[in-house]
């Protein structure tokens, strides 16, 4: 079967995405002194693992439980914005703050502005870090942890019905490394004719945007 269809694309509107939670929440752990475990322990339980004890007990996450087979690592989707940082924080301290969630692939701190960025291995680990560290007090300040805007993401429209996630990724890989390509479907699993392509960097996204703005970009099977 063969078909083709021209489509247009635009830069994605980066509205904050709601974080989905599991419906079943294991009860938080109760330490030996009878007090309820801290909020970090409760949030840890939301992600399907056993509730964690207090942070000072030195528990670490088993990272193997949060890696999917074939999942791309250290992508833009696992990059976090960290605000309200103390002015004297160091890169080493920032890494230590997030070391529970695995080795960081990128750490940037703007001390004058009091914010920074950190990239973790997977999206799931970044989600856990966001839940546990957001609003955490650090030297008189409350940390503000959010997902960083994906500046290399494009929305694709007028996709033919036969286009799959794999074909969409393969087609746009000619412009550069694609981190994620998803065809948006309705409740019945049918294509809506729209998709999202996330590149690893802005140059590839700009190249794709310019190419498709000049005319039709055809996809065929």
N, C-alpha and C. Protein backbone atom coordinates (compact mmCIF):
# COMPACT_ATOMS: atom_id res chain seq x y z
N UNK A 1 0.85 -1.19 0.00
CA UNK A 1 0.00 0.00 0.00
C UNK A 1 0.88 1.24 0.00
N UNK A 2 0.50 2.22 -0.81
CA UNK A 2 1.31 3.42 -0.87
C UNK A 2 0.40 4.64 -0.84
N UNK A 3 0.86 5.65 -0.16
CA UNK A 3 0.09 6.87 -0.12
C UNK A 3 0.98 7.99 0.32
N UNK A 4 0.59 9.20 0.05
CA UNK A 4 1.38 10.32 0.53
C UNK A 4 0.46 11.49 0.80
N UNK A 5 0.91 12.36 1.66
CA UNK A 5 0.09 13.50 2.04
C UNK A 5 1.00 14.58 2.59
N UNK A 6 0.86 15.78 2.09
CA UNK A 6 1.66 16.88 2.61
C UNK A 6 1.10 17.32 3.95
N UNK A 7 1.97 17.74 4.85
CA UNK A 7 1.47 18.21 6.13
C UNK A 7 2.25 19.44 6.54
N UNK A 8 1.68 20.17 7.49
CA UNK A 8 2.38 21.33 8.02
C UNK A 8 2.71 21.10 9.47
N UNK A 9 3.54 21.98 10.00
CA UNK A 9 3.98 21.79 11.37
C UNK A 9 4.24 23.14 12.01
N UNK A 10 4.29 23.14 13.33
CA UNK A 10 4.50 24.37 14.06
C UNK A 10 5.21 24.05 15.35
N UNK A 11 5.81 25.07 15.94
CA UNK A 11 6.46 24.87 17.23
C UNK A 11 5.40 24.56 18.26
N UNK A 12 5.69 23.61 19.12
CA UNK A 12 4.70 23.16 20.09
C UNK A 12 4.50 24.21 21.15
N UNK A 13 3.25 24.37 21.56
CA UNK A 13 2.93 25.25 22.67
C UNK A 13 3.24 24.52 23.96
N UNK A 14 4.21 25.04 24.70
CA UNK A 14 4.70 24.30 25.87
C UNK A 14 3.90 24.66 27.11
N UNK A 15 2.65 24.28 27.12
CA UNK A 15 1.86 24.47 28.34
C UNK A 15 2.24 23.40 29.33
N UNK A 16 2.22 23.73 30.64
CA UNK A 16 2.59 22.72 31.64
C UNK A 16 1.71 21.51 31.53
N UNK A 17 2.33 20.35 31.60
CA UNK A 17 1.57 19.10 31.51
C UNK A 17 1.23 18.59 32.90
N UNK A 18 0.01 18.08 33.02
CA UNK A 18 -0.39 17.50 34.30
C UNK A 18 0.32 16.19 34.51
N UNK A 19 0.77 15.98 35.72
CA UNK A 19 1.46 14.74 36.04
C UNK A 19 0.45 13.69 36.46
N UNK A 20 0.49 12.51 35.82
CA UNK A 20 -0.45 11.44 36.13
C UNK A 20 0.08 10.61 37.29
N UNK A 21 -0.79 10.20 38.15
CA UNK A 21 -0.41 9.40 39.30
C UNK A 21 -1.13 8.07 39.24
N UNK A 22 -0.52 7.05 39.84
CA UNK A 22 -1.18 5.77 39.94
C UNK A 22 -2.38 5.89 40.86
N UNK A 23 -3.40 5.07 40.58
CA UNK A 23 -4.61 5.16 41.38
C UNK A 23 -4.45 4.52 42.74
N UNK A 24 -3.59 3.54 42.85
CA UNK A 24 -3.42 2.86 44.12
C UNK A 24 -2.17 3.38 44.79
N UNK A 25 -2.32 3.83 46.03
CA UNK A 25 -1.20 4.39 46.77
C UNK A 25 -0.91 3.53 47.99
N UNK A 26 0.22 2.86 48.04
CA UNK A 26 0.55 2.11 49.25
C UNK A 26 0.64 3.06 50.44
N UNK A 27 0.27 2.61 51.62
CA UNK A 27 0.31 3.49 52.78
C UNK A 27 1.74 3.87 53.12
N UNK A 28 1.97 5.11 53.62
CA UNK A 28 3.33 5.51 53.98
C UNK A 28 3.86 4.69 55.13
N UNK A 29 5.17 4.55 55.16
CA UNK A 29 5.79 3.75 56.21
C UNK A 29 5.77 4.50 57.53
N UNK A 30 5.79 3.76 58.61
CA UNK A 30 5.79 4.35 59.94
C UNK A 30 7.10 3.97 60.63
N UNK A 31 7.95 4.97 60.95
CA UNK A 31 9.22 4.68 61.61
C UNK A 31 9.01 4.09 62.99
N UNK A 32 10.09 3.62 63.58
CA UNK A 32 10.02 2.93 64.87
C UNK A 32 9.53 3.85 65.97
N UNK A 33 9.78 5.17 65.85
CA UNK A 33 9.38 6.08 66.91
C UNK A 33 7.89 6.41 66.86
N UNK A 34 7.15 5.78 65.89
CA UNK A 34 5.71 5.96 65.83
C UNK A 34 5.25 7.16 65.06
N UNK A 35 6.19 7.99 64.56
CA UNK A 35 5.79 9.15 63.79
C UNK A 35 5.64 8.77 62.34
N UNK A 36 4.79 9.49 61.65
CA UNK A 36 4.56 9.21 60.24
C UNK A 36 5.79 9.58 59.44
N UNK A 37 6.09 8.77 58.40
CA UNK A 37 7.25 9.05 57.57
C UNK A 37 7.07 10.38 56.87
N UNK A 38 8.19 10.98 56.48
CA UNK A 38 8.15 12.31 55.87
C UNK A 38 7.51 12.28 54.49
N UNK A 39 7.27 13.50 53.94
CA UNK A 39 6.56 13.61 52.66
C UNK A 39 7.32 12.95 51.54
N UNK A 40 8.67 12.92 51.61
CA UNK A 40 9.43 12.24 50.57
C UNK A 40 9.11 10.76 50.53
N UNK A 41 8.90 10.15 51.69
CA UNK A 41 8.56 8.73 51.73
C UNK A 41 7.20 8.49 51.11
N UNK A 42 6.24 9.41 51.39
CA UNK A 42 4.90 9.25 50.84
C UNK A 42 4.92 9.36 49.33
N UNK A 43 5.64 10.35 48.81
CA UNK A 43 5.68 10.52 47.35
C UNK A 43 6.38 9.37 46.69
N UNK A 44 7.35 8.78 47.36
CA UNK A 44 8.05 7.62 46.80
C UNK A 44 7.09 6.46 46.59
N UNK A 45 6.12 6.34 47.53
CA UNK A 45 5.17 5.23 47.45
C UNK A 45 4.26 5.34 46.25
N UNK A 46 4.08 6.55 45.73
CA UNK A 46 3.18 6.74 44.59
C UNK A 46 3.68 6.05 43.34
N UNK A 47 4.95 5.75 43.27
CA UNK A 47 5.52 5.25 42.03
C UNK A 47 5.66 3.73 42.02
N UNK A 48 4.92 3.06 42.87
CA UNK A 48 4.83 1.61 42.77
C UNK A 48 5.84 0.86 43.60
N UNK A 49 6.81 1.53 44.19
CA UNK A 49 7.81 0.86 45.01
C UNK A 49 7.39 0.89 46.46
N UNK A 50 8.12 0.21 47.33
CA UNK A 50 7.79 0.23 48.75
C UNK A 50 8.04 1.60 49.34
N UNK A 51 7.26 2.01 50.33
CA UNK A 51 7.46 3.31 50.95
C UNK A 51 8.87 3.43 51.50
N UNK A 52 9.45 4.63 51.36
CA UNK A 52 10.83 4.84 51.81
C UNK A 52 10.85 5.36 53.23
N UNK A 53 11.86 5.01 54.00
CA UNK A 53 12.03 5.61 55.33
C UNK A 53 12.54 7.03 55.19
N UNK A 54 12.77 7.70 56.32
CA UNK A 54 13.25 9.07 56.28
C UNK A 54 14.56 9.15 55.51
N UNK A 55 14.82 10.34 54.91
CA UNK A 55 15.99 10.49 54.06
C UNK A 55 17.29 10.24 54.81
N UNK A 56 17.32 10.55 56.09
CA UNK A 56 18.58 10.39 56.82
C UNK A 56 18.93 8.93 57.06
N UNK A 57 18.07 8.00 56.65
CA UNK A 57 18.39 6.59 56.79
C UNK A 57 19.20 6.08 55.61
N UNK A 58 19.45 6.93 54.61
CA UNK A 58 20.38 6.59 53.53
C UNK A 58 19.83 5.65 52.48
N UNK A 59 18.50 5.56 52.32
CA UNK A 59 17.94 4.67 51.31
C UNK A 59 18.18 5.24 49.92
N UNK A 60 18.51 4.39 48.96
CA UNK A 60 18.69 4.82 47.58
C UNK A 60 17.70 4.08 46.69
N UNK A 61 17.39 4.68 45.54
CA UNK A 61 16.46 4.09 44.59
C UNK A 61 17.16 3.01 43.77
N UNK A 62 16.49 1.88 43.56
CA UNK A 62 17.01 0.86 42.65
C UNK A 62 16.70 1.32 41.23
N UNK A 63 17.71 1.88 40.55
CA UNK A 63 17.48 2.53 39.27
C UNK A 63 17.00 1.56 38.20
N UNK A 64 17.29 0.27 38.34
CA UNK A 64 16.89 -0.71 37.32
C UNK A 64 15.38 -0.76 37.19
N UNK A 65 14.65 -0.44 38.26
CA UNK A 65 13.19 -0.51 38.23
C UNK A 65 12.56 0.63 37.43
N UNK A 66 13.36 1.62 37.05
CA UNK A 66 12.81 2.79 36.38
C UNK A 66 13.39 2.97 34.98
N UNK A 67 13.90 1.88 34.39
CA UNK A 67 14.39 1.92 33.02
C UNK A 67 13.54 0.98 32.18
N UNK A 68 12.99 1.48 31.08
CA UNK A 68 12.22 0.66 30.16
C UNK A 68 13.14 0.14 29.07
N UNK A 69 12.92 -1.08 28.59
CA UNK A 69 13.76 -1.63 27.51
C UNK A 69 13.73 -0.72 26.29
N UNK A 70 14.91 -0.35 25.81
CA UNK A 70 15.00 0.49 24.63
C UNK A 70 14.74 1.96 24.86
N UNK A 71 14.51 2.36 26.11
CA UNK A 71 14.21 3.76 26.41
C UNK A 71 15.46 4.63 26.21
N UNK A 72 15.27 5.75 25.54
CA UNK A 72 16.38 6.68 25.35
C UNK A 72 16.65 7.41 26.66
N UNK A 73 17.91 7.63 26.94
CA UNK A 73 18.29 8.21 28.23
C UNK A 73 18.87 9.61 28.05
N UNK A 74 18.82 10.37 29.15
CA UNK A 74 19.36 11.73 29.21
C UNK A 74 18.81 12.61 28.08
N UNK A 75 17.50 12.57 27.90
CA UNK A 75 16.84 13.36 26.86
C UNK A 75 16.33 14.68 27.45
N UNK A 76 15.79 15.52 26.57
CA UNK A 76 15.20 16.79 27.02
C UNK A 76 14.02 16.56 27.96
N UNK A 77 13.35 15.43 27.81
CA UNK A 77 12.18 15.14 28.64
C UNK A 77 12.55 14.83 30.08
N UNK A 78 13.82 14.56 30.34
CA UNK A 78 14.25 14.27 31.71
C UNK A 78 15.08 15.42 32.28
N UNK A 79 14.91 16.61 31.71
CA UNK A 79 15.65 17.80 32.15
C UNK A 79 14.77 18.63 33.08
N UNK A 80 15.31 18.97 34.25
CA UNK A 80 14.55 19.69 35.27
C UNK A 80 15.09 21.10 35.47
N UNK A 81 14.18 22.02 35.71
CA UNK A 81 14.51 23.38 36.14
C UNK A 81 14.45 23.41 37.66
N UNK A 82 15.47 23.97 38.30
CA UNK A 82 15.50 24.07 39.76
C UNK A 82 15.66 25.54 40.14
N UNK A 83 14.63 26.11 40.75
CA UNK A 83 14.66 27.52 41.13
C UNK A 83 14.81 27.72 42.63
N UNK A 84 15.01 28.98 43.03
CA UNK A 84 15.20 29.36 44.44
C UNK A 84 16.43 28.69 45.05
N UNK A 85 17.49 28.58 44.27
CA UNK A 85 18.72 27.99 44.79
C UNK A 85 19.47 28.99 45.67
N UNK A 86 20.12 28.53 46.74
CA UNK A 86 20.95 29.43 47.54
C UNK A 86 22.08 30.00 46.68
N UNK A 87 22.48 31.24 46.90
CA UNK A 87 23.51 31.87 46.06
C UNK A 87 24.88 31.21 46.14
N UNK A 88 25.12 30.46 47.22
CA UNK A 88 26.43 29.84 47.38
C UNK A 88 26.46 28.36 46.99
N UNK A 89 25.39 27.86 46.36
CA UNK A 89 25.36 26.44 46.01
C UNK A 89 26.39 26.13 44.93
N UNK A 90 26.99 24.96 45.01
CA UNK A 90 28.00 24.54 44.04
C UNK A 90 27.43 23.43 43.15
N UNK A 91 28.13 23.17 42.03
CA UNK A 91 27.70 22.09 41.14
C UNK A 91 27.78 20.75 41.86
N UNK A 92 28.81 20.58 42.67
CA UNK A 92 28.96 19.32 43.42
C UNK A 92 27.79 19.12 44.38
N UNK A 93 27.36 20.19 45.04
CA UNK A 93 26.24 20.09 45.97
C UNK A 93 24.94 19.79 45.22
N UNK A 94 24.80 20.39 44.04
CA UNK A 94 23.61 20.14 43.22
C UNK A 94 23.55 18.66 42.81
N UNK A 95 24.68 18.12 42.39
CA UNK A 95 24.72 16.70 42.02
C UNK A 95 24.39 15.82 43.21
N UNK A 96 24.90 16.19 44.37
CA UNK A 96 24.65 15.40 45.58
C UNK A 96 23.18 15.44 45.97
N UNK A 97 22.54 16.58 45.73
CA UNK A 97 21.12 16.74 46.03
C UNK A 97 20.28 15.75 45.23
N UNK A 98 20.73 15.46 43.99
CA UNK A 98 19.97 14.60 43.09
C UNK A 98 20.58 13.21 42.94
N UNK A 99 21.63 12.88 43.69
CA UNK A 99 22.33 11.62 43.48
C UNK A 99 21.46 10.41 43.77
N UNK A 100 20.45 10.56 44.60
CA UNK A 100 19.52 9.47 44.89
C UNK A 100 18.81 8.99 43.63
N UNK A 101 18.70 9.87 42.63
CA UNK A 101 17.95 9.56 41.42
C UNK A 101 18.87 9.19 40.25
N UNK A 102 20.11 8.86 40.55
CA UNK A 102 21.04 8.42 39.52
C UNK A 102 22.03 9.50 39.12
N UNK A 103 22.97 9.12 38.29
CA UNK A 103 23.99 10.05 37.83
C UNK A 103 23.39 11.08 36.89
N UNK A 104 23.72 12.35 37.12
CA UNK A 104 23.20 13.43 36.28
C UNK A 104 24.05 13.57 35.03
N UNK A 105 23.38 13.79 33.89
CA UNK A 105 24.11 13.95 32.64
C UNK A 105 24.46 15.39 32.35
N UNK A 106 23.82 16.33 33.01
CA UNK A 106 24.06 17.76 32.78
C UNK A 106 23.70 18.52 34.04
N UNK A 107 24.55 19.43 34.46
CA UNK A 107 24.25 20.32 35.58
C UNK A 107 24.69 21.73 35.20
N UNK A 108 23.76 22.67 35.30
CA UNK A 108 24.07 24.08 35.02
C UNK A 108 23.48 24.92 36.14
N UNK A 109 24.26 25.85 36.67
CA UNK A 109 23.79 26.73 37.74
C UNK A 109 24.06 28.18 37.36
N UNK A 110 23.03 29.01 37.44
CA UNK A 110 23.16 30.45 37.25
C UNK A 110 23.06 31.07 38.64
N UNK A 111 24.19 31.26 39.30
CA UNK A 111 24.19 31.69 40.70
C UNK A 111 23.58 33.08 40.87
N UNK A 112 23.84 33.98 39.94
CA UNK A 112 23.32 35.34 40.07
C UNK A 112 21.80 35.37 40.03
N UNK A 113 21.21 34.46 39.28
CA UNK A 113 19.75 34.41 39.14
C UNK A 113 19.10 33.41 40.09
N UNK A 114 19.90 32.56 40.71
CA UNK A 114 19.36 31.61 41.68
C UNK A 114 18.59 30.45 41.09
N UNK A 115 18.98 30.00 39.89
CA UNK A 115 18.32 28.84 39.32
C UNK A 115 19.34 27.99 38.59
N UNK A 116 18.91 26.78 38.22
CA UNK A 116 19.80 25.88 37.49
C UNK A 116 19.00 24.82 36.75
N UNK A 117 19.71 23.98 36.01
CA UNK A 117 19.10 22.88 35.27
C UNK A 117 19.89 21.61 35.56
N UNK A 118 19.18 20.49 35.56
CA UNK A 118 19.84 19.20 35.74
C UNK A 118 19.11 18.18 34.86
N UNK A 119 19.88 17.32 34.22
CA UNK A 119 19.30 16.30 33.34
C UNK A 119 19.55 14.93 33.95
N UNK A 120 18.47 14.18 34.22
CA UNK A 120 18.58 12.84 34.78
C UNK A 120 18.45 11.79 33.69
N UNK A 121 18.65 10.53 34.07
CA UNK A 121 18.74 9.47 33.07
C UNK A 121 17.42 9.21 32.35
N UNK A 122 16.32 9.15 33.09
CA UNK A 122 15.03 8.84 32.46
C UNK A 122 13.95 9.81 32.93
N UNK A 123 12.88 9.86 32.19
CA UNK A 123 11.74 10.71 32.52
C UNK A 123 11.13 10.30 33.86
N UNK A 124 11.03 9.00 34.11
CA UNK A 124 10.43 8.53 35.35
C UNK A 124 11.23 8.98 36.56
N UNK A 125 12.55 8.87 36.49
CA UNK A 125 13.39 9.33 37.59
C UNK A 125 13.24 10.83 37.80
N UNK A 126 13.12 11.58 36.71
CA UNK A 126 12.93 13.02 36.82
C UNK A 126 11.59 13.34 37.48
N UNK A 127 10.55 12.56 37.16
CA UNK A 127 9.24 12.77 37.77
C UNK A 127 9.30 12.53 39.28
N UNK A 128 10.02 11.49 39.69
CA UNK A 128 10.14 11.20 41.12
C UNK A 128 10.91 12.31 41.82
N UNK A 129 12.01 12.75 41.21
CA UNK A 129 12.81 13.82 41.80
C UNK A 129 11.98 15.10 41.93
N UNK A 130 11.17 15.39 40.93
CA UNK A 130 10.34 16.59 40.97
C UNK A 130 9.36 16.54 42.14
N UNK A 131 8.70 15.40 42.31
CA UNK A 131 7.72 15.26 43.39
C UNK A 131 8.38 15.37 44.75
N UNK A 132 9.52 14.74 44.91
CA UNK A 132 10.15 14.68 46.23
C UNK A 132 10.91 15.95 46.61
N UNK A 133 11.48 16.66 45.64
CA UNK A 133 12.33 17.81 45.97
C UNK A 133 11.63 19.15 45.82
N UNK A 134 10.51 19.21 45.13
CA UNK A 134 9.80 20.48 45.00
C UNK A 134 9.34 20.96 46.37
N UNK A 135 9.61 22.24 46.67
CA UNK A 135 9.28 22.88 47.96
C UNK A 135 10.14 22.40 49.12
N UNK A 136 11.20 21.65 48.84
CA UNK A 136 12.10 21.22 49.91
C UNK A 136 12.92 22.42 50.40
N UNK A 137 13.01 22.64 51.72
CA UNK A 137 13.80 23.76 52.23
C UNK A 137 15.30 23.50 52.10
N UNK A 138 16.03 24.54 51.70
CA UNK A 138 17.48 24.44 51.58
C UNK A 138 18.08 25.79 51.93
N UNK A 139 18.68 25.87 53.11
CA UNK A 139 19.33 27.08 53.60
C UNK A 139 18.44 28.32 53.49
N UNK A 140 17.26 28.19 54.07
CA UNK A 140 16.34 29.32 54.14
C UNK A 140 15.51 29.55 52.89
N UNK A 141 15.65 28.71 51.89
CA UNK A 141 14.87 28.85 50.66
C UNK A 141 14.10 27.57 50.39
N UNK A 142 12.99 27.70 49.68
CA UNK A 142 12.23 26.52 49.27
C UNK A 142 12.48 26.26 47.80
N UNK A 143 13.04 25.09 47.50
CA UNK A 143 13.36 24.76 46.12
C UNK A 143 12.09 24.71 45.26
N UNK A 144 12.23 25.12 44.03
CA UNK A 144 11.13 25.06 43.07
C UNK A 144 11.60 24.20 41.90
N UNK A 145 11.03 23.00 41.78
CA UNK A 145 11.47 22.04 40.77
C UNK A 145 10.36 21.86 39.74
N UNK A 146 10.69 22.10 38.48
CA UNK A 146 9.74 21.97 37.37
C UNK A 146 10.44 21.28 36.19
N UNK A 147 9.65 20.75 35.28
CA UNK A 147 10.24 20.25 34.04
C UNK A 147 10.62 21.43 33.16
N UNK A 148 11.82 21.37 32.60
CA UNK A 148 12.27 22.43 31.71
C UNK A 148 11.48 22.37 30.41
N UNK A 149 11.22 23.53 29.81
CA UNK A 149 10.51 23.58 28.53
C UNK A 149 11.34 22.88 27.47
N UNK A 150 10.67 22.10 26.64
CA UNK A 150 11.35 21.41 25.55
C UNK A 150 11.38 22.35 24.36
N UNK A 151 12.51 23.00 24.15
CA UNK A 151 12.62 24.03 23.11
C UNK A 151 12.85 23.45 21.73
N UNK A 152 12.98 22.13 21.62
CA UNK A 152 13.23 21.50 20.31
C UNK A 152 12.10 20.56 19.94
N UNK A 153 10.87 20.94 20.31
CA UNK A 153 9.70 20.10 20.06
C UNK A 153 8.80 20.76 19.02
N UNK A 154 8.30 19.96 18.09
CA UNK A 154 7.44 20.45 17.02
C UNK A 154 6.13 19.67 16.99
N UNK A 155 5.05 20.36 16.64
CA UNK A 155 3.76 19.72 16.42
C UNK A 155 3.56 19.55 14.91
N UNK A 156 3.21 18.34 14.50
CA UNK A 156 3.03 18.02 13.08
C UNK A 156 1.55 17.78 12.82
N UNK A 157 1.03 18.37 11.75
CA UNK A 157 -0.38 18.23 11.41
C UNK A 157 -0.55 17.60 10.03
N UNK A 158 -1.78 17.20 9.72
CA UNK A 158 -2.14 16.60 8.43
C UNK A 158 -1.40 15.29 8.16
N UNK A 159 -1.21 14.51 9.20
CA UNK A 159 -0.55 13.21 9.03
C UNK A 159 -1.51 12.21 8.39
N UNK A 160 -1.07 11.40 7.44
CA UNK A 160 -1.91 10.33 6.89
C UNK A 160 -2.23 9.30 7.96
N UNK A 161 -3.33 8.58 7.80
CA UNK A 161 -3.77 7.61 8.79
C UNK A 161 -2.77 6.47 8.99
N UNK A 162 -1.99 6.16 7.95
CA UNK A 162 -1.09 5.01 8.05
C UNK A 162 0.19 5.32 8.83
N UNK A 163 0.43 6.57 9.18
CA UNK A 163 1.68 6.94 9.84
C UNK A 163 1.69 6.45 11.29
N UNK A 164 2.73 5.71 11.63
CA UNK A 164 2.92 5.20 13.00
C UNK A 164 4.00 6.02 13.70
N UNK A 165 4.17 5.76 14.99
CA UNK A 165 5.24 6.43 15.74
C UNK A 165 6.60 6.16 15.11
N UNK A 166 6.80 4.90 14.70
CA UNK A 166 8.09 4.50 14.13
C UNK A 166 8.36 5.21 12.80
N UNK A 167 7.34 5.29 11.95
CA UNK A 167 7.51 5.96 10.66
C UNK A 167 7.74 7.45 10.85
N UNK A 168 7.04 8.05 11.80
CA UNK A 168 7.21 9.48 12.07
C UNK A 168 8.64 9.77 12.54
N UNK A 169 9.15 8.92 13.43
CA UNK A 169 10.52 9.11 13.92
C UNK A 169 11.53 8.92 12.79
N UNK A 170 11.32 7.88 11.99
CA UNK A 170 12.25 7.60 10.89
C UNK A 170 12.27 8.75 9.88
N UNK A 171 11.10 9.29 9.57
CA UNK A 171 11.01 10.36 8.58
C UNK A 171 11.74 11.62 9.04
N UNK A 172 11.57 11.98 10.30
CA UNK A 172 12.16 13.23 10.77
C UNK A 172 13.61 13.08 11.24
N UNK A 173 14.10 11.87 11.31
CA UNK A 173 15.50 11.66 11.70
C UNK A 173 16.45 12.18 10.63
N UNK A 174 15.95 12.48 9.42
CA UNK A 174 16.82 13.05 8.38
C UNK A 174 17.27 14.46 8.77
N UNK A 175 16.58 15.09 9.69
CA UNK A 175 16.94 16.45 10.11
C UNK A 175 17.85 16.45 11.33
N UNK A 176 17.96 15.34 12.02
CA UNK A 176 18.78 15.26 13.22
C UNK A 176 18.25 14.19 14.16
N UNK A 177 18.89 14.05 15.30
CA UNK A 177 18.51 13.01 16.26
C UNK A 177 17.13 13.29 16.86
N UNK A 178 16.24 12.32 16.74
CA UNK A 178 14.89 12.42 17.30
C UNK A 178 14.85 11.68 18.63
N UNK A 179 14.44 12.37 19.67
CA UNK A 179 14.34 11.74 20.98
C UNK A 179 13.00 11.03 21.17
N UNK A 180 11.95 11.60 20.58
CA UNK A 180 10.62 10.99 20.73
C UNK A 180 9.73 11.47 19.59
N UNK A 181 8.95 10.54 19.05
CA UNK A 181 7.98 10.88 18.02
C UNK A 181 6.69 10.14 18.33
N UNK A 182 5.59 10.86 18.47
CA UNK A 182 4.33 10.26 18.89
C UNK A 182 3.19 10.77 18.01
N UNK A 183 2.41 9.83 17.48
CA UNK A 183 1.19 10.18 16.76
C UNK A 183 0.05 10.23 17.78
N UNK A 184 -0.66 11.34 17.82
CA UNK A 184 -1.75 11.51 18.78
C UNK A 184 -2.99 10.76 18.29
N UNK A 185 -3.56 9.92 19.14
CA UNK A 185 -4.72 9.11 18.76
C UNK A 185 -5.91 9.47 19.64
N UNK A 186 -7.12 9.09 19.15
CA UNK A 186 -8.33 9.34 19.93
C UNK A 186 -8.59 8.19 20.89
N UNK A 187 -9.77 8.19 21.52
CA UNK A 187 -10.10 7.17 22.52
C UNK A 187 -10.16 5.77 21.92
N UNK A 188 -10.38 5.68 20.61
CA UNK A 188 -10.46 4.38 19.95
C UNK A 188 -9.14 3.95 19.33
N UNK A 189 -8.11 4.75 19.56
CA UNK A 189 -6.81 4.40 19.02
C UNK A 189 -6.59 4.82 17.59
N UNK A 190 -7.49 5.63 17.04
CA UNK A 190 -7.36 6.08 15.65
C UNK A 190 -6.58 7.39 15.60
N UNK A 191 -5.75 7.52 14.58
CA UNK A 191 -4.92 8.71 14.45
C UNK A 191 -5.76 9.97 14.31
N UNK A 192 -5.33 11.01 14.99
CA UNK A 192 -6.00 12.31 14.90
C UNK A 192 -5.42 13.16 13.79
N UNK A 193 -4.39 12.64 13.12
CA UNK A 193 -3.72 13.42 12.08
C UNK A 193 -2.69 14.38 12.62
N UNK A 194 -2.45 14.32 13.91
CA UNK A 194 -1.45 15.19 14.54
C UNK A 194 -0.38 14.34 15.23
N UNK A 195 0.79 14.92 15.38
CA UNK A 195 1.87 14.22 16.07
C UNK A 195 2.83 15.21 16.71
N UNK A 196 3.69 14.69 17.56
CA UNK A 196 4.71 15.50 18.22
C UNK A 196 6.07 14.87 17.95
N UNK A 197 7.00 15.70 17.52
CA UNK A 197 8.37 15.24 17.27
C UNK A 197 9.30 16.05 18.17
N UNK A 198 10.08 15.37 18.99
CA UNK A 198 11.01 16.04 19.89
C UNK A 198 12.44 15.71 19.48
N UNK A 199 13.20 16.73 19.11
CA UNK A 199 14.59 16.57 18.71
C UNK A 199 15.51 16.75 19.92
N UNK A 200 16.76 16.32 19.75
CA UNK A 200 17.73 16.45 20.84
C UNK A 200 18.29 17.86 20.94
N UNK A 201 18.09 18.67 19.91
CA UNK A 201 18.60 20.04 19.94
C UNK A 201 17.84 20.96 19.01
N UNK A 202 18.00 22.26 19.22
CA UNK A 202 17.29 23.26 18.43
C UNK A 202 17.65 23.26 16.95
N UNK A 203 18.93 23.08 16.57
CA UNK A 203 19.27 23.15 15.14
C UNK A 203 18.47 22.17 14.29
N UNK A 204 18.30 20.94 14.78
CA UNK A 204 17.54 19.95 14.02
C UNK A 204 16.07 20.35 13.92
N UNK A 205 15.52 20.87 15.01
CA UNK A 205 14.12 21.30 15.00
C UNK A 205 13.92 22.46 14.04
N UNK A 206 14.86 23.40 14.03
CA UNK A 206 14.76 24.54 13.13
C UNK A 206 14.87 24.10 11.67
N UNK A 207 15.75 23.15 11.42
CA UNK A 207 15.92 22.64 10.06
C UNK A 207 14.63 21.99 9.56
N UNK A 208 14.01 21.19 10.43
CA UNK A 208 12.76 20.53 10.06
C UNK A 208 11.64 21.55 9.84
N UNK A 209 11.59 22.54 10.72
CA UNK A 209 10.55 23.57 10.61
C UNK A 209 10.70 24.36 9.32
N UNK A 210 11.93 24.74 8.99
CA UNK A 210 12.18 25.50 7.76
C UNK A 210 11.85 24.67 6.52
N UNK A 211 12.24 23.41 6.55
CA UNK A 211 12.02 22.53 5.39
C UNK A 211 10.53 22.35 5.13
N UNK A 212 9.76 22.14 6.18
CA UNK A 212 8.34 21.88 6.01
C UNK A 212 7.55 23.16 5.79
N UNK A 213 8.11 24.30 6.15
CA UNK A 213 7.45 25.57 5.89
C UNK A 213 7.60 25.98 4.43
N UNK A 214 8.66 25.49 3.78
CA UNK A 214 8.90 25.81 2.38
C UNK A 214 7.94 25.09 1.44
N UNK A 215 7.43 23.97 1.88
CA UNK A 215 6.52 23.19 1.04
C UNK A 215 6.14 21.91 1.72
N UNK A 216 5.54 20.99 0.98
CA UNK A 216 5.09 19.72 1.56
C UNK A 216 6.26 18.79 1.80
N UNK A 217 6.17 18.05 2.89
CA UNK A 217 7.14 17.00 3.20
C UNK A 217 6.36 15.70 3.17
N UNK A 218 6.67 14.82 2.22
CA UNK A 218 5.84 13.65 1.96
C UNK A 218 6.29 12.44 2.77
N UNK A 219 5.31 11.73 3.28
CA UNK A 219 5.56 10.45 3.93
C UNK A 219 4.89 9.37 3.10
N UNK A 220 5.61 8.29 2.80
CA UNK A 220 5.04 7.20 2.01
C UNK A 220 5.34 5.87 2.67
N UNK A 221 4.50 4.88 2.36
CA UNK A 221 4.75 3.52 2.82
C UNK A 221 5.07 2.66 1.62
